[in-house]
Amino acid sequence: MKICTKCNVEKDISEYFKGDRYADGYQNWCKTCYRNYSNERSKDPKVKEKKRSEGLKRKFNLTLEEYDRIFDSQNGKCSICGSSNSGRTGNFCIDHNHKTGKVRGLLCHNCNLMIGNSGDSIYILLNGIKYLEKDSIFIKKGVFV
């Protein structure tokens, strides 16, 4: 048994997360208090921006300013379909070469899935175009109907 230093309620030790830096090996706040704190904190705009900034740096070696420059250079639109709607995440996906890590541009969620599901294969994407052309009734200015 242990008393949570946040809610001051005595709870079973199973109600605490493990923590190496604590004398008894468990965090001082119970899981409920920790989750509530964490959920509230994650809504803070400053925390959100910091997490986003750290993620961009860690995954793509990009700063927020560099992301914004790419976004502005694409006029706030997906590099493939031209949509200004990024999709489900609220931010455009950062498309990059998985072998070199080089950033290619920003894509909406759907275009990012298309490229990712093709395995970045030009061969598969070209075959997809040929497949769609077979069923096209009318071709006008590169748009298939």
C-alpha atoms as a PDB file:
ATOM      1  CA  MET A   1       0.000   0.000   0.000  1.00  0.00           C
ATOM      2  CA  LYS A   2       1.096   3.542  -0.745  1.00  0.00           C
ATOM      3  CA  ILE A   3      -0.390   7.032  -0.351  1.00  0.00           C
ATOM      4  CA  CYS A   4      -0.626   9.091  -3.563  1.00  0.00           C
ATOM      5  CA  THR A   5       0.995  12.480  -3.017  1.00  0.00           C
ATOM      6  CA  LYS A   6      -1.485  14.056  -5.457  1.00  0.00           C
ATOM      7  CA  CYS A   7      -4.889  12.811  -4.187  1.00  0.00           C
ATOM      8  CA  ASN A   8      -3.693  11.711  -0.700  1.00  0.00           C
ATOM      9  CA  VAL A   9      -5.529   8.384  -0.973  1.00  0.00           C
ATOM     10  CA  GLU A  10      -3.918   5.143   0.116  1.00  0.00           C
ATOM     11  CA  LYS A  11      -3.970   2.641  -2.725  1.00  0.00           C
ATOM     12  CA  ASP A  12      -2.538  -0.755  -3.569  1.00  0.00           C
ATOM     13  CA  ILE A  13       0.952  -0.642  -5.079  1.00  0.00           C
ATOM     14  CA  SER A  14      -0.506  -2.041  -8.345  1.00  0.00           C
ATOM     15  CA  GLU A  15      -2.203   1.377  -8.751  1.00  0.00           C
ATOM     16  CA  TYR A  16       1.189   3.031  -9.339  1.00  0.00           C
ATOM     17  CA  PHE A  17       3.500   3.056 -12.339  1.00  0.00           C
ATOM     18  CA  LYS A  18       7.014   1.800 -11.799  1.00  0.00           C
ATOM     19  CA  GLY A  19       9.709   4.444 -11.568  1.00  0.00           C
ATOM     20  CA  ASP A  20      13.427   3.746 -11.233  1.00  0.00           C
ATOM     21  CA  ARG A  21      14.241   7.066  -9.616  1.00  0.00           C
ATOM     22  CA  TYR A  22      11.876   6.543  -6.673  1.00  0.00           C
ATOM     23  CA  ALA A  23      13.089   4.896  -3.449  1.00  0.00           C
ATOM     24  CA  ASP A  24      10.373   2.234  -3.436  1.00  0.00           C
ATOM     25  CA  GLY A  25      10.496   1.720  -7.227  1.00  0.00           C
ATOM     26  CA  TYR A  26       7.080   3.298  -7.860  1.00  0.00           C
ATOM     27  CA  GLN A  27       5.991   6.816  -8.819  1.00  0.00           C
ATOM     28  CA  ASN A  28       4.512   9.048  -6.105  1.00  0.00           C
ATOM     29  CA  TRP A  29       1.251   9.712  -7.973  1.00  0.00           C
ATOM     30  CA  CYS A  30      -1.272   6.935  -8.573  1.00  0.00           C
ATOM     31  CA  LYS A  31      -2.038   5.912 -12.159  1.00  0.00           C
ATOM     32  CA  THR A  32      -5.357   7.815 -12.144  1.00  0.00           C
ATOM     33  CA  CYS A  33      -3.805  11.097 -10.976  1.00  0.00           C
ATOM     34  CA  TYR A  34      -0.879  10.702 -13.373  1.00  0.00           C
ATOM     35  CA  ARG A  35      -3.188  10.038 -16.358  1.00  0.00           C
ATOM     36  CA  ASN A  36      -5.434  12.994 -15.473  1.00  0.00           C
ATOM     37  CA  TYR A  37      -2.403  15.287 -15.193  1.00  0.00           C
ATOM     38  CA  SER A  38      -0.932  13.956 -18.426  1.00  0.00           C
ATOM     39  CA  ASN A  39      -4.218  14.367 -20.340  1.00  0.00           C
ATOM     40  CA  GLU A  40      -4.667  17.948 -19.145  1.00  0.00           C
ATOM     41  CA  ARG A  41      -1.051  18.825 -19.882  1.00  0.00           C
ATOM     42  CA  SER A  42      -1.240  17.448 -23.420  1.00  0.00           C
ATOM     43  CA  LYS A  43      -4.020  19.952 -24.221  1.00  0.00           C
ATOM     44  CA  ASP A  44      -1.737  22.900 -23.465  1.00  0.00           C
ATOM     45  CA  PRO A  45      -0.790  24.590 -26.797  1.00  0.00           C
ATOM     46  CA  LYS A  46       2.788  25.200 -25.644  1.00  0.00           C
ATOM     47  CA  VAL A  47       3.227  21.524 -24.768  1.00  0.00           C
ATOM     48  CA  LYS A  48       1.667  20.464 -28.092  1.00  0.00           C
ATOM     49  CA  GLU A  49       4.029  22.707 -30.050  1.00  0.00           C
ATOM     50  CA  LYS A  50       7.049  21.494 -28.080  1.00  0.00           C
ATOM     51  CA  LYS A  51       6.131  17.829 -28.694  1.00  0.00           C
ATOM     52  CA  ARG A  52       5.578  18.528 -32.397  1.00  0.00           C
ATOM     53  CA  SER A  53       8.890  20.359 -32.632  1.00  0.00           C
ATOM     54  CA  GLU A  54      10.752  17.524 -30.896  1.00  0.00           C
ATOM     55  CA  GLY A  55       9.087  14.939 -33.148  1.00  0.00           C
ATOM     56  CA  LEU A  56       9.999  16.821 -36.323  1.00  0.00           C
ATOM     57  CA  LYS A  57      13.611  17.113 -35.180  1.00  0.00           C
ATOM     58  CA  ARG A  58      13.880  13.474 -34.092  1.00  0.00           C
ATOM     59  CA  LYS A  59      12.147  11.867 -37.097  1.00  0.00           C
ATOM     60  CA  PHE A  60      13.096  14.177 -39.953  1.00  0.00           C
ATOM     61  CA  ASN A  61      15.801  16.519 -38.605  1.00  0.00           C
ATOM     62  CA  LEU A  62      13.460  19.447 -39.385  1.00  0.00           C
ATOM     63  CA  THR A  63      12.662  22.536 -37.340  1.00  0.00           C
ATOM     64  CA  LEU A  64       9.163  24.029 -37.205  1.00  0.00           C
ATOM     65  CA  GLU A  65      10.499  26.951 -39.249  1.00  0.00           C
ATOM     66  CA  GLU A  66      11.744  24.583 -41.974  1.00  0.00           C
ATOM     67  CA  TYR A  67       8.383  22.781 -42.014  1.00  0.00           C
ATOM     68  CA  ASP A  68       6.623  26.150 -42.351  1.00  0.00           C
ATOM     69  CA  ARG A  69       8.951  27.129 -45.233  1.00  0.00           C
ATOM     70  CA  ILE A  70       8.079  23.910 -47.091  1.00  0.00           C
ATOM     71  CA  PHE A  71       4.386  24.475 -46.354  1.00  0.00           C
ATOM     72  CA  ASP A  72       4.566  28.043 -47.694  1.00  0.00           C
ATOM     73  CA  SER A  73       6.527  26.965 -50.798  1.00  0.00           C
ATOM     74  CA  GLN A  74       3.676  24.519 -51.567  1.00  0.00           C
ATOM     75  CA  ASN A  75       1.101  27.295 -50.971  1.00  0.00           C
ATOM     76  CA  GLY A  76      -0.380  25.267 -48.105  1.00  0.00           C
ATOM     77  CA  LYS A  77      -1.353  22.410 -50.410  1.00  0.00           C
ATOM     78  CA  CYS A  78      -0.530  18.740 -50.861  1.00  0.00           C
ATOM     79  CA  SER A  79       2.400  18.286 -53.220  1.00  0.00           C
ATOM     80  CA  ILE A  80       0.538  15.581 -55.179  1.00  0.00           C
ATOM     81  CA  CYS A  81      -3.208  16.308 -55.293  1.00  0.00           C
ATOM     82  CA  GLY A  82      -3.123  20.040 -54.512  1.00  0.00           C
ATOM     83  CA  SER A  83      -5.679  19.787 -51.709  1.00  0.00           C
ATOM     84  CA  SER A  84      -5.454  22.271 -48.851  1.00  0.00           C
ATOM     85  CA  ASN A  85      -7.090  19.675 -46.580  1.00  0.00           C
ATOM     86  CA  SER A  86      -4.317  17.739 -44.824  1.00  0.00           C
ATOM     87  CA  GLY A  87      -6.645  14.964 -43.737  1.00  0.00           C
ATOM     88  CA  ARG A  88      -7.217  13.318 -40.390  1.00  0.00           C
ATOM     89  CA  THR A  89      -4.113  14.538 -38.560  1.00  0.00           C
ATOM     90  CA  GLY A  90      -4.563  18.286 -39.026  1.00  0.00           C
ATOM     91  CA  ASN A  91      -1.002  18.631 -40.341  1.00  0.00           C
ATOM     92  CA  PHE A  92       0.422  17.613 -43.672  1.00  0.00           C
ATOM     93  CA  CYS A  93       2.522  14.451 -43.638  1.00  0.00           C
ATOM     94  CA  ILE A  94       6.228  14.814 -44.253  1.00  0.00           C
ATOM     95  CA  ASP A  95       7.101  12.665 -47.244  1.00  0.00           C
ATOM     96  CA  HIS A  96      10.682  11.481 -47.274  1.00  0.00           C
ATOM     97  CA  ASN A  97      12.942   8.980 -48.977  1.00  0.00           C
ATOM     98  CA  HIS A  98      13.185   6.054 -46.574  1.00  0.00           C
ATOM     99  CA  LYS A  99      16.663   5.142 -47.779  1.00  0.00           C
ATOM    100  CA  THR A 100      18.300   8.570 -47.627  1.00  0.00           C
ATOM    101  CA  GLY A 101      15.998  10.310 -45.139  1.00  0.00           C
ATOM    102  CA  LYS A 102      15.758  13.309 -47.487  1.00  0.00           C
ATOM    103  CA  VAL A 103      12.461  15.212 -47.221  1.00  0.00           C
ATOM    104  CA  ARG A 104      10.611  15.372 -50.560  1.00  0.00           C
ATOM    105  CA  GLY A 105       7.635  17.507 -49.568  1.00  0.00           C
ATOM    106  CA  LEU A 106       4.359  17.630 -47.663  1.00  0.00           C
ATOM    107  CA  LEU A 107       1.424  15.381 -48.522  1.00  0.00           C
ATOM    108  CA  CYS A 108      -2.159  15.056 -47.373  1.00  0.00           C
ATOM    109  CA  HIS A 109      -2.983  11.900 -45.451  1.00  0.00           C
ATOM    110  CA  ASN A 110      -4.484  10.081 -48.471  1.00  0.00           C
ATOM    111  CA  CYS A 111      -1.585  10.819 -50.810  1.00  0.00           C
ATOM    112  CA  ASN A 112       0.886   9.815 -48.104  1.00  0.00           C
ATOM    113  CA  LEU A 113      -0.937   6.484 -47.749  1.00  0.00           C
ATOM    114  CA  MET A 114      -0.862   5.996 -51.519  1.00  0.00           C
ATOM    115  CA  ILE A 115       2.897   6.562 -51.694  1.00  0.00           C
ATOM    116  CA  GLY A 116       3.561   4.499 -48.570  1.00  0.00           C
ATOM    117  CA  ASN A 117       1.354   1.594 -49.605  1.00  0.00           C
ATOM    118  CA  SER A 118       3.120   1.464 -52.958  1.00  0.00           C
ATOM    119  CA  GLY A 119       6.422   1.096 -51.121  1.00  0.00           C
ATOM    120  CA  ASP A 120       7.647   4.234 -52.935  1.00  0.00           C
ATOM    121  CA  SER A 121       7.630   2.132 -56.103  1.00  0.00           C
ATOM    122  CA  ILE A 122       7.350   4.074 -59.360  1.00  0.00           C
ATOM    123  CA  TYR A 123       6.643   0.720 -61.074  1.00  0.00           C
ATOM    124  CA  ILE A 124       3.595   0.034 -58.891  1.00  0.00           C
ATOM    125  CA  LEU A 125       2.266   3.572 -59.253  1.00  0.00           C
ATOM    126  CA  LEU A 126       2.661   3.522 -63.055  1.00  0.00           C
ATOM    127  CA  ASN A 127       0.892   0.164 -63.197  1.00  0.00           C
ATOM    128  CA  GLY A 128      -1.872   1.717 -61.102  1.00  0.00           C
ATOM    129  CA  ILE A 129      -2.238   4.510 -63.660  1.00  0.00           C
ATOM    130  CA  LYS A 130      -2.374   1.984 -66.528  1.00  0.00           C
ATOM    131  CA  TYR A 131      -4.979  -0.002 -64.606  1.00  0.00           C
ATOM    132  CA  LEU A 132      -7.178   3.070 -64.114  1.00  0.00           C
ATOM    133  CA  GLU A 133      -6.728   4.130 -67.767  1.00  0.00           C
ATOM    134  CA  LYS A 134      -8.202   0.807 -68.922  1.00  0.00           C
ATOM    135  CA  ASP A 135     -11.465   1.686 -67.203  1.00  0.00           C
ATOM    136  CA  SER A 136     -11.537   5.374 -68.147  1.00  0.00           C
ATOM    137  CA  ILE A 137     -14.390   6.506 -70.302  1.00  0.00           C
ATOM    138  CA  PHE A 138     -13.074   9.967 -70.897  1.00  0.00           C
ATOM    139  CA  ILE A 139      -9.614  11.523 -70.520  1.00  0.00           C
ATOM    140  CA  LYS A 140      -9.355  15.302 -70.321  1.00  0.00           C
ATOM    141  CA  LYS A 141      -6.342  17.321 -69.189  1.00  0.00           C
ATOM    142  CA  GLY A 142      -4.867  14.403 -67.251  1.00  0.00           C
ATOM    143  CA  VAL A 143      -8.064  13.799 -65.268  1.00  0.00           C
ATOM    144  CA  PHE A 144      -9.574  10.353 -65.538  1.00  0.00           C
ATOM    145  CA  VAL A 145     -13.344  10.006 -65.271  1.00  0.00           C
END
